[in-house]
């Protein structure tokens, strides 16, 4: 639920289907195209940073509003399934 101007509004989830694509660099990573509606709903654009979390079997993307702090963090050396990325 979101609160705006003292009123509570239910935010309805949107469900879309996307296809995982090979990144083409032999890393085992995949590319997922995010539709414009999703980007607009998150208020993000090309070049913005997103955090990725695995929560109860779901992938959760959240915009990082203070990307300068996140740049200082080391990139993950693990895949979403917890296994090490090749070459790391």
PDB file of N, CA and C in Angstrom:
ATOM      1  N   UNK A   1       0.839  -1.185   0.000  1.00  0.00           N
ATOM      2  CA  UNK A   1       0.000   0.000   0.000  1.00  0.00           C
ATOM      3  C   UNK A   1       0.878   1.240   0.000  1.00  0.00           C
ATOM      4  N   UNK A   2       0.467   2.239  -0.709  1.00  0.00           N
ATOM      5  CA  UNK A   2       1.190   3.493  -0.748  1.00  0.00           C
ATOM      6  C   UNK A   2       0.301   4.582  -0.186  1.00  0.00           C
ATOM      7  N   UNK A   3       0.920   5.540   0.484  1.00  0.00           N
ATOM      8  CA  UNK A   3       0.143   6.628   1.045  1.00  0.00           C
ATOM      9  C   UNK A   3       0.473   7.907   0.313  1.00  0.00           C
ATOM     10  N   UNK A   4      -0.561   8.599  -0.122  1.00  0.00           N
ATOM     11  CA  UNK A   4      -0.380   9.851  -0.837  1.00  0.00           C
ATOM     12  C   UNK A   4      -1.462  10.816  -0.369  1.00  0.00           C
ATOM     13  N   UNK A   5      -1.063  11.994   0.057  1.00  0.00           N
ATOM     14  CA  UNK A   5      -1.996  13.021   0.525  1.00  0.00           C
ATOM     15  C   UNK A   5      -2.944  12.495   1.597  1.00  0.00           C
ATOM     16  N   UNK A   6      -2.411  11.634   2.486  1.00  0.00           N
ATOM     17  CA  UNK A   6      -3.231  11.127   3.574  1.00  0.00           C
ATOM     18  C   UNK A   6      -4.138   9.974   3.184  1.00  0.00           C
ATOM     19  N   UNK A   7      -4.217   9.648   1.905  1.00  0.00           N
ATOM     20  CA  UNK A   7      -5.054   8.542   1.447  1.00  0.00           C
ATOM     21  C   UNK A   7      -4.181   7.336   1.142  1.00  0.00           C
ATOM     22  N   UNK A   8      -4.712   6.154   1.377  1.00  0.00           N
ATOM     23  CA  UNK A   8      -3.979   4.935   1.085  1.00  0.00           C
ATOM     24  C   UNK A   8      -4.463   4.388  -0.252  1.00  0.00           C
ATOM     25  N   UNK A   9      -3.518   4.104  -1.150  1.00  0.00           N
ATOM     26  CA  UNK A   9      -3.843   3.586  -2.474  1.00  0.00           C
ATOM     27  C   UNK A   9      -3.172   2.233  -2.649  1.00  0.00           C
ATOM     28  N   UNK A  10      -3.895   1.282  -3.177  1.00  0.00           N
ATOM     29  CA  UNK A  10      -3.306  -0.028  -3.448  1.00  0.00           C
ATOM     30  C   UNK A  10      -2.600   0.051  -4.799  1.00  0.00           C
ATOM     31  N   UNK A  11      -1.356  -0.388  -4.823  1.00  0.00           N
ATOM     32  CA  UNK A  11      -0.594  -0.433  -6.059  1.00  0.00           C
ATOM     33  C   UNK A  11      -0.731  -1.838  -6.620  1.00  0.00           C
ATOM     34  N   UNK A  12      -1.363  -1.950  -7.764  1.00  0.00           N
ATOM     35  CA  UNK A  12      -1.589  -3.253  -8.381  1.00  0.00           C
ATOM     36  C   UNK A  12      -0.322  -3.756  -9.045  1.00  0.00           C
ATOM     37  N   UNK A  13       0.037  -5.016  -8.825  1.00  0.00           N
ATOM     38  CA  UNK A  13       1.228  -5.573  -9.485  1.00  0.00           C
ATOM     39  C   UNK A  13       0.978  -5.736 -10.980  1.00  0.00           C
ATOM     40  N   UNK A  14       2.025  -5.559 -11.747  1.00  0.00           N
ATOM     41  CA  UNK A  14       1.944  -5.790 -13.193  1.00  0.00           C
ATOM     42  C   UNK A  14       2.716  -7.058 -13.494  1.00  0.00           C
ATOM     43  N   UNK A  15       2.180  -7.888 -14.363  1.00  0.00           N
ATOM     44  CA  UNK A  15       2.843  -9.135 -14.731  1.00  0.00           C
ATOM     45  C   UNK A  15       3.124  -9.106 -16.225  1.00  0.00           C
ATOM     46  N   UNK A  16       4.380  -9.332 -16.569  1.00  0.00           N
ATOM     47  CA  UNK A  16       4.814  -9.384 -17.955  1.00  0.00           C
ATOM     48  C   UNK A  16       5.732 -10.588 -18.109  1.00  0.00           C
ATOM     49  N   UNK A  17       5.868 -11.052 -19.318  1.00  0.00           N
ATOM     50  CA  UNK A  17       6.776 -12.156 -19.601  1.00  0.00           C
ATOM     51  C   UNK A  17       7.915 -11.638 -20.451  1.00  0.00           C
ATOM     52  N   UNK A  18       9.145 -11.953 -20.048  1.00  0.00           N
ATOM     53  CA  UNK A  18      10.335 -11.588 -20.816  1.00  0.00           C
ATOM     54  C   UNK A  18      11.158 -12.849 -21.044  1.00  0.00           C
ATOM     55  N   UNK A  19      12.066 -12.791 -21.982  1.00  0.00           N
ATOM     56  CA  UNK A  19      12.899 -13.940 -22.319  1.00  0.00           C
ATOM     57  C   UNK A  19      14.336 -13.657 -21.888  1.00  0.00           C
ATOM     58  N   UNK A  20      14.929 -14.610 -21.180  1.00  0.00           N
ATOM     59  CA  UNK A  20      16.339 -14.496 -20.811  1.00  0.00           C
ATOM     60  C   UNK A  20      17.178 -14.744 -22.058  1.00  0.00           C
ATOM     61  N   UNK A  21      18.105 -13.827 -22.331  1.00  0.00           N
ATOM     62  CA  UNK A  21      18.956 -13.932 -23.508  1.00  0.00           C
ATOM     63  C   UNK A  21      20.408 -14.100 -23.081  1.00  0.00           C
ATOM     64  N   UNK A  22      21.162 -14.831 -23.859  1.00  0.00           N
ATOM     65  CA  UNK A  22      22.584 -15.033 -23.596  1.00  0.00           C
ATOM     66  C   UNK A  22      23.308 -13.703 -23.740  1.00  0.00           C
ATOM     67  N   UNK A  23      24.186 -13.392 -22.791  1.00  0.00           N
ATOM     68  CA  UNK A  23      24.933 -12.137 -22.860  1.00  0.00           C
ATOM     69  C   UNK A  23      26.002 -12.181 -23.944  1.00  0.00           C
ATOM     70  N   UNK A  24      26.350 -13.383 -24.407  1.00  0.00           N
ATOM     71  CA  UNK A  24      27.302 -13.514 -25.500  1.00  0.00           C
ATOM     72  C   UNK A  24      28.750 -13.401 -25.094  1.00  0.00           C
ATOM     73  N   UNK A  25      29.028 -13.351 -23.779  1.00  0.00           N
ATOM     74  CA  UNK A  25      30.424 -13.197 -23.350  1.00  0.00           C
ATOM     75  C   UNK A  25      30.938 -14.412 -22.572  1.00  0.00           C
ATOM     76  N   UNK A  26      30.235 -15.524 -22.637  1.00  0.00           N
ATOM     77  CA  UNK A  26      30.606 -16.779 -21.973  1.00  0.00           C
ATOM     78  C   UNK A  26      30.673 -16.673 -20.453  1.00  0.00           C
ATOM     79  N   UNK A  27      30.050 -15.668 -19.864  1.00  0.00           N
ATOM     80  CA  UNK A  27      30.085 -15.490 -18.408  1.00  0.00           C
ATOM     81  C   UNK A  27      29.006 -16.299 -17.700  1.00  0.00           C
ATOM     82  N   UNK A  28      28.002 -16.742 -18.449  1.00  0.00           N
ATOM     83  CA  UNK A  28      26.858 -17.398 -17.829  1.00  0.00           C
ATOM     84  C   UNK A  28      25.773 -16.409 -17.444  1.00  0.00           C
ATOM     85  N   UNK A  29      26.062 -15.097 -17.568  1.00  0.00           N
ATOM     86  CA  UNK A  29      25.068 -14.068 -17.282  1.00  0.00           C
ATOM     87  C   UNK A  29      24.005 -14.069 -18.377  1.00  0.00           C
ATOM     88  N   UNK A  30      22.833 -13.561 -18.050  1.00  0.00           N
ATOM     89  CA  UNK A  30      21.780 -13.394 -19.047  1.00  0.00           C
ATOM     90  C   UNK A  30      21.355 -11.936 -19.096  1.00  0.00           C
ATOM     91  N   UNK A  31      20.752 -11.565 -20.196  1.00  0.00           N
ATOM     92  CA  UNK A  31      20.211 -10.219 -20.387  1.00  0.00           C
ATOM     93  C   UNK A  31      18.694 -10.337 -20.406  1.00  0.00           C
ATOM     94  N   UNK A  32      18.036  -9.475 -19.658  1.00  0.00           N
ATOM     95  CA  UNK A  32      16.581  -9.428 -19.642  1.00  0.00           C
ATOM     96  C   UNK A  32      16.172  -8.013 -20.036  1.00  0.00           C
ATOM     97  N   UNK A  33      15.444  -7.888 -21.134  1.00  0.00           N
ATOM     98  CA  UNK A  33      14.944  -6.579 -21.558  1.00  0.00           C
ATOM     99  C   UNK A  33      13.795  -6.170 -20.652  1.00  0.00           C
ATOM    100  N   UNK A  34      13.874  -4.966 -20.099  1.00  0.00           N
ATOM    101  CA  UNK A  34      12.792  -4.444 -19.272  1.00  0.00           C
ATOM    102  C   UNK A  34      11.920  -3.545 -20.142  1.00  0.00           C
ATOM    103  N   UNK A  35      10.630  -3.851 -20.235  1.00  0.00           N
ATOM    104  CA  UNK A  35       9.739  -3.046 -21.070  1.00  0.00           C
ATOM    105  C   UNK A  35       9.655  -1.599 -20.572  1.00  0.00           C
ATOM    106  N   UNK A  36       9.373  -0.662 -21.471  1.00  0.00           N
ATOM    107  CA  UNK A  36       9.267   0.752 -21.089  1.00  0.00           C
ATOM    108  C   UNK A  36       8.300   1.003 -19.932  1.00  0.00           C
ATOM    109  N   UNK A  37       7.222   0.212 -19.855  1.00  0.00           N
ATOM    110  CA  UNK A  37       6.246   0.388 -18.765  1.00  0.00           C
ATOM    111  C   UNK A  37       6.882   0.095 -17.412  1.00  0.00           C
ATOM    112  N   UNK A  38       7.761  -0.895 -17.375  1.00  0.00           N
ATOM    113  CA  UNK A  38       8.444  -1.234 -16.120  1.00  0.00           C
ATOM    114  C   UNK A  38       9.415  -0.124 -15.745  1.00  0.00           C
ATOM    115  N   UNK A  39      10.197   0.337 -16.716  1.00  0.00           N
ATOM    116  CA  UNK A  39      11.142   1.426 -16.451  1.00  0.00           C
ATOM    117  C   UNK A  39      10.409   2.671 -15.957  1.00  0.00           C
ATOM    118  N   UNK A  40       9.298   3.000 -16.598  1.00  0.00           N
ATOM    119  CA  UNK A  40       8.519   4.181 -16.187  1.00  0.00           C
ATOM    120  C   UNK A  40       7.952   3.978 -14.780  1.00  0.00           C
ATOM    121  N   UNK A  41       7.495   2.753 -14.480  1.00  0.00           N
ATOM    122  CA  UNK A  41       6.939   2.470 -13.154  1.00  0.00           C
ATOM    123  C   UNK A  41       7.974   2.591 -12.050  1.00  0.00           C
ATOM    124  N   UNK A  42       9.243   2.313 -12.381  1.00  0.00           N
ATOM    125  CA  UNK A  42      10.330   2.454 -11.416  1.00  0.00           C
ATOM    126  C   UNK A  42      10.952   3.843 -11.456  1.00  0.00           C
ATOM    127  N   UNK A  43      10.542   4.634 -12.431  1.00  0.00           N
ATOM    128  CA  UNK A  43      11.112   5.972 -12.647  1.00  0.00           C
ATOM    129  C   UNK A  43      12.621   5.879 -12.890  1.00  0.00           C
ATOM    130  N   UNK A  44      13.007   4.963 -13.790  1.00  0.00           N
ATOM    131  CA  UNK A  44      14.412   4.812 -14.163  1.00  0.00           C
ATOM    132  C   UNK A  44      14.561   4.956 -15.669  1.00  0.00           C
ATOM    133  N   UNK A  45      15.782   5.263 -16.075  1.00  0.00           N
ATOM    134  CA  UNK A  45      16.089   5.400 -17.501  1.00  0.00           C
ATOM    135  C   UNK A  45      17.421   4.723 -17.774  1.00  0.00           C
ATOM    136  N   UNK A  46      17.803   4.634 -19.021  1.00  0.00           N
ATOM    137  CA  UNK A  46      19.081   4.027 -19.385  1.00  0.00           C
ATOM    138  C   UNK A  46      20.212   4.662 -18.601  1.00  0.00           C
ATOM    139  N   UNK A  47      21.095   3.831 -18.080  1.00  0.00           N
ATOM    140  CA  UNK A  47      22.240   4.320 -17.321  1.00  0.00           C
ATOM    141  C   UNK A  47      22.014   4.390 -15.827  1.00  0.00           C
ATOM    142  N   UNK A  48      20.748   4.313 -15.368  1.00  0.00           N
ATOM    143  CA  UNK A  48      20.471   4.315 -13.928  1.00  0.00           C
ATOM    144  C   UNK A  48      20.873   2.967 -13.335  1.00  0.00           C
ATOM    145  N   UNK A  49      21.137   2.952 -12.034  1.00  0.00           N
ATOM    146  CA  UNK A  49      21.528   1.732 -11.334  1.00  0.00           C
ATOM    147  C   UNK A  49      20.333   1.117 -10.626  1.00  0.00           C
ATOM    148  N   UNK A  50      20.277  -0.220 -10.638  1.00  0.00           N
ATOM    149  CA  UNK A  50      19.241  -0.964  -9.934  1.00  0.00           C
ATOM    150  C   UNK A  50      19.902  -1.969  -9.004  1.00  0.00           C
ATOM    151  N   UNK A  51      19.310  -2.173  -7.839  1.00  0.00           N
ATOM    152  CA  UNK A  51      19.765  -3.276  -6.993  1.00  0.00           C
ATOM    153  C   UNK A  51      18.935  -4.496  -7.378  1.00  0.00           C
ATOM    154  N   UNK A  52      19.527  -5.676  -7.235  1.00  0.00           N
ATOM    155  CA  UNK A  52      18.848  -6.929  -7.555  1.00  0.00           C
ATOM    156  C   UNK A  52      18.878  -7.797  -6.310  1.00  0.00           C
ATOM    157  N   UNK A  53      17.705  -8.263  -5.892  1.00  0.00           N
ATOM    158  CA  UNK A  53      17.604  -9.143  -4.731  1.00  0.00           C
ATOM    159  C   UNK A  53      16.795 -10.369  -5.116  1.00  0.00           C
ATOM    160  N   UNK A  54      17.124 -11.489  -4.527  1.00  0.00           N
ATOM    161  CA  UNK A  54      16.334 -12.701  -4.672  1.00  0.00           C
ATOM    162  C   UNK A  54      15.561 -12.866  -3.375  1.00  0.00           C
ATOM    163  N   UNK A  55      14.231 -12.720  -3.451  1.00  0.00           N
ATOM    164  CA  UNK A  55      13.378 -12.758  -2.269  1.00  0.00           C
ATOM    165  C   UNK A  55      12.296 -13.819  -2.475  1.00  0.00           C
ATOM    166  N   UNK A  56      12.368 -14.877  -1.681  1.00  0.00           N
ATOM    167  CA  UNK A  56      11.372 -15.952  -1.730  1.00  0.00           C
ATOM    168  C   UNK A  56      11.114 -16.414  -3.162  1.00  0.00           C
ATOM    169  N   UNK A  57      12.176 -16.628  -3.924  1.00  0.00           N
ATOM    170  CA  UNK A  57      12.059 -17.138  -5.285  1.00  0.00           C
ATOM    171  C   UNK A  57      11.700 -16.106  -6.332  1.00  0.00           C
ATOM    172  N   UNK A  58      11.646 -14.830  -5.961  1.00  0.00           N
ATOM    173  CA  UNK A  58      11.320 -13.768  -6.903  1.00  0.00           C
ATOM    174  C   UNK A  58      12.504 -12.810  -7.028  1.00  0.00           C
ATOM    175  N   UNK A  59      12.712 -12.301  -8.223  1.00  0.00           N
ATOM    176  CA  UNK A  59      13.748 -11.291  -8.444  1.00  0.00           C
ATOM    177  C   UNK A  59      13.119  -9.928  -8.203  1.00  0.00           C
ATOM    178  N   UNK A  60      13.725  -9.151  -7.307  1.00  0.00           N
ATOM    179  CA  UNK A  60      13.212  -7.829  -6.961  1.00  0.00           C
ATOM    180  C   UNK A  60      14.231  -6.786  -7.431  1.00  0.00           C
ATOM    181  N   UNK A  61      13.791  -5.883  -8.281  1.00  0.00           N
ATOM    182  CA  UNK A  61      14.624  -4.777  -8.756  1.00  0.00           C
ATOM    183  C   UNK A  61      14.183  -3.499  -8.065  1.00  0.00           C
ATOM    184  N   UNK A  62      15.161  -2.743  -7.556  1.00  0.00           N
ATOM    185  CA  UNK A  62      14.859  -1.457  -6.916  1.00  0.00           C
ATOM    186  C   UNK A  62      15.827  -0.413  -7.443  1.00  0.00           C
ATOM    187  N   UNK A  63      15.322   0.783  -7.764  1.00  0.00           N
ATOM    188  CA  UNK A  63      16.231   1.848  -8.199  1.00  0.00           C
ATOM    189  C   UNK A  63      17.166   2.245  -7.068  1.00  0.00           C
ATOM    190  N   UNK A  64      18.399   2.554  -7.434  1.00  0.00           N
ATOM    191  CA  UNK A  64      19.369   3.070  -6.473  1.00  0.00           C
ATOM    192  C   UNK A  64      19.415   4.574  -6.699  1.00  0.00           C
ATOM    193  N   UNK A  65      18.903   5.306  -5.747  1.00  0.00           N
ATOM    194  CA  UNK A  65      18.806   6.765  -5.914  1.00  0.00           C
ATOM    195  C   UNK A  65      20.116   7.468  -5.617  1.00  0.00           C
ATOM    196  N   UNK A  66      20.977   6.848  -4.819  1.00  0.00           N
ATOM    197  CA  UNK A  66      22.270   7.438  -4.521  1.00  0.00           C
ATOM    198  C   UNK A  66      23.340   6.509  -5.077  1.00  0.00           C
ATOM    199  N   UNK A  67      23.469   6.495  -6.398  1.00  0.00           N
ATOM    200  CA  UNK A  67      24.368   5.558  -7.074  1.00  0.00           C
ATOM    201  C   UNK A  67      25.826   5.776  -6.699  1.00  0.00           C
ATOM    202  N   UNK A  68      26.208   6.966  -6.282  1.00  0.00           N
ATOM    203  CA  UNK A  68      27.602   7.234  -5.934  1.00  0.00           C
ATOM    204  C   UNK A  68      28.063   6.309  -4.809  1.00  0.00           C
ATOM    205  N   UNK A  69      27.201   6.050  -3.831  1.00  0.00           N
ATOM    206  CA  UNK A  69      27.564   5.147  -2.738  1.00  0.00           C
ATOM    207  C   UNK A  69      27.656   3.710  -3.229  1.00  0.00           C
ATOM    208  N   UNK A  70      26.777   3.320  -4.131  1.00  0.00           N
ATOM    209  CA  UNK A  70      26.773   1.947  -4.627  1.00  0.00           C
ATOM    210  C   UNK A  70      27.992   1.650  -5.484  1.00  0.00           C
ATOM    211  N   UNK A  71      28.533   2.638  -6.168  1.00  0.00           N
ATOM    212  CA  UNK A  71      29.708   2.431  -7.009  1.00  0.00           C
ATOM    213  C   UNK A  71      30.890   1.973  -6.163  1.00  0.00           C
ATOM    214  N   UNK A  72      30.931   2.412  -4.909  1.00  0.00           N
ATOM    215  CA  UNK A  72      32.026   2.051  -4.025  1.00  0.00           C
ATOM    216  C   UNK A  72      31.971   0.591  -3.578  1.00  0.00           C
ATOM    217  N   UNK A  73      30.798  -0.045  -3.716  1.00  0.00           N
ATOM    218  CA  UNK A  73      30.660  -1.436  -3.316  1.00  0.00           C
ATOM    219  C   UNK A  73      31.231  -2.334  -4.399  1.00  0.00           C
ATOM    220  N   UNK A  74      31.821  -3.440  -3.991  1.00  0.00           N
ATOM    221  CA  UNK A  74      32.365  -4.395  -4.950  1.00  0.00           C
ATOM    222  C   UNK A  74      31.236  -5.103  -5.681  1.00  0.00           C
ATOM    223  N   UNK A  75      31.418  -5.379  -6.981  1.00  0.00           N
ATOM    224  CA  UNK A  75      30.398  -6.143  -7.696  1.00  0.00           C
ATOM    225  C   UNK A  75      30.349  -7.576  -7.180  1.00  0.00           C
ATOM    226  N   UNK A  76      29.204  -8.185  -7.316  1.00  0.00           N
ATOM    227  CA  UNK A  76      29.020  -9.553  -6.856  1.00  0.00           C
ATOM    228  C   UNK A  76      29.885 -10.510  -7.652  1.00  0.00           C
ATOM    229  N   UNK A  77      30.417 -11.501  -6.968  1.00  0.00           N
ATOM    230  CA  UNK A  77      31.182 -12.550  -7.647  1.00  0.00           C
ATOM    231  C   UNK A  77      30.348 -13.817  -7.751  1.00  0.00           C
ATOM    232  N   UNK A  78      29.051 -13.710  -7.458  1.00  0.00           N
ATOM    233  CA  UNK A  78      28.176 -14.877  -7.490  1.00  0.00           C
ATOM    234  C   UNK A  78      26.986 -14.621  -8.411  1.00  0.00           C
ATOM    235  N   UNK A  79      26.488 -15.702  -8.987  1.00  0.00           N
ATOM    236  CA  UNK A  79      25.280 -15.651  -9.800  1.00  0.00           C
ATOM    237  C   UNK A  79      24.075 -15.595  -8.871  1.00  0.00           C
ATOM    238  N   UNK A  80      22.891 -15.360  -9.441  1.00  0.00           N
ATOM    239  CA  UNK A  80      21.662 -15.303  -8.651  1.00  0.00           C
ATOM    240  C   UNK A  80      21.443 -16.603  -7.889  1.00  0.00           C
ATOM    241  N   UNK A  81      21.846 -17.745  -8.476  1.00  0.00           N
ATOM    242  CA  UNK A  81      21.648 -19.024  -7.791  1.00  0.00           C
ATOM    243  C   UNK A  81      22.687 -19.283  -6.705  1.00  0.00           C
ATOM    244  N   UNK A  82      23.625 -18.341  -6.498  1.00  0.00           N
ATOM    245  CA  UNK A  82      24.622 -18.474  -5.443  1.00  0.00           C
ATOM    246  C   UNK A  82      25.922 -19.105  -5.883  1.00  0.00           C
ATOM    247  N   UNK A  83      25.952 -19.657  -7.095  1.00  0.00           N
ATOM    248  CA  UNK A  83      27.193 -20.278  -7.564  1.00  0.00           C
ATOM    249  C   UNK A  83      28.170 -19.213  -8.053  1.00  0.00           C
ATOM    250  N   UNK A  84      29.477 -19.504  -7.998  1.00  0.00           N
ATOM    251  CA  UNK A  84      30.469 -18.505  -8.429  1.00  0.00           C
ATOM    252  C   UNK A  84      30.389 -18.241  -9.920  1.00  0.00           C
ATOM    253  N   UNK A  85      30.634 -16.995 -10.310  1.00  0.00           N
ATOM    254  CA  UNK A  85      30.727 -16.665 -11.725  1.00  0.00           C
ATOM    255  C   UNK A  85      32.026 -17.245 -12.289  1.00  0.00           C
ATOM    256  N   UNK A  86      32.018 -17.660 -13.549  1.00  0.00           N
ATOM    257  CA  UNK A  86      33.239 -18.218 -14.140  1.00  0.00           C
ATOM    258  C   UNK A  86      34.392 -17.210 -14.060  1.00  0.00           C
ATOM    259  N   UNK A  87      35.580 -17.712 -13.775  1.00  0.00           N
ATOM    260  CA  UNK A  87      36.769 -16.866 -13.745  1.00  0.00           C
ATOM    261  C   UNK A  87      36.940 -16.054 -12.481  1.00  0.00           C
ATOM    262  N   UNK A  88      36.105 -16.313 -11.450  1.00  0.00           N
ATOM    263  CA  UNK A  88      36.217 -15.526 -10.216  1.00  0.00           C
ATOM    264  C   UNK A  88      36.531 -16.402  -9.043  1.00  0.00           C
TER     265      UNK A  88
END
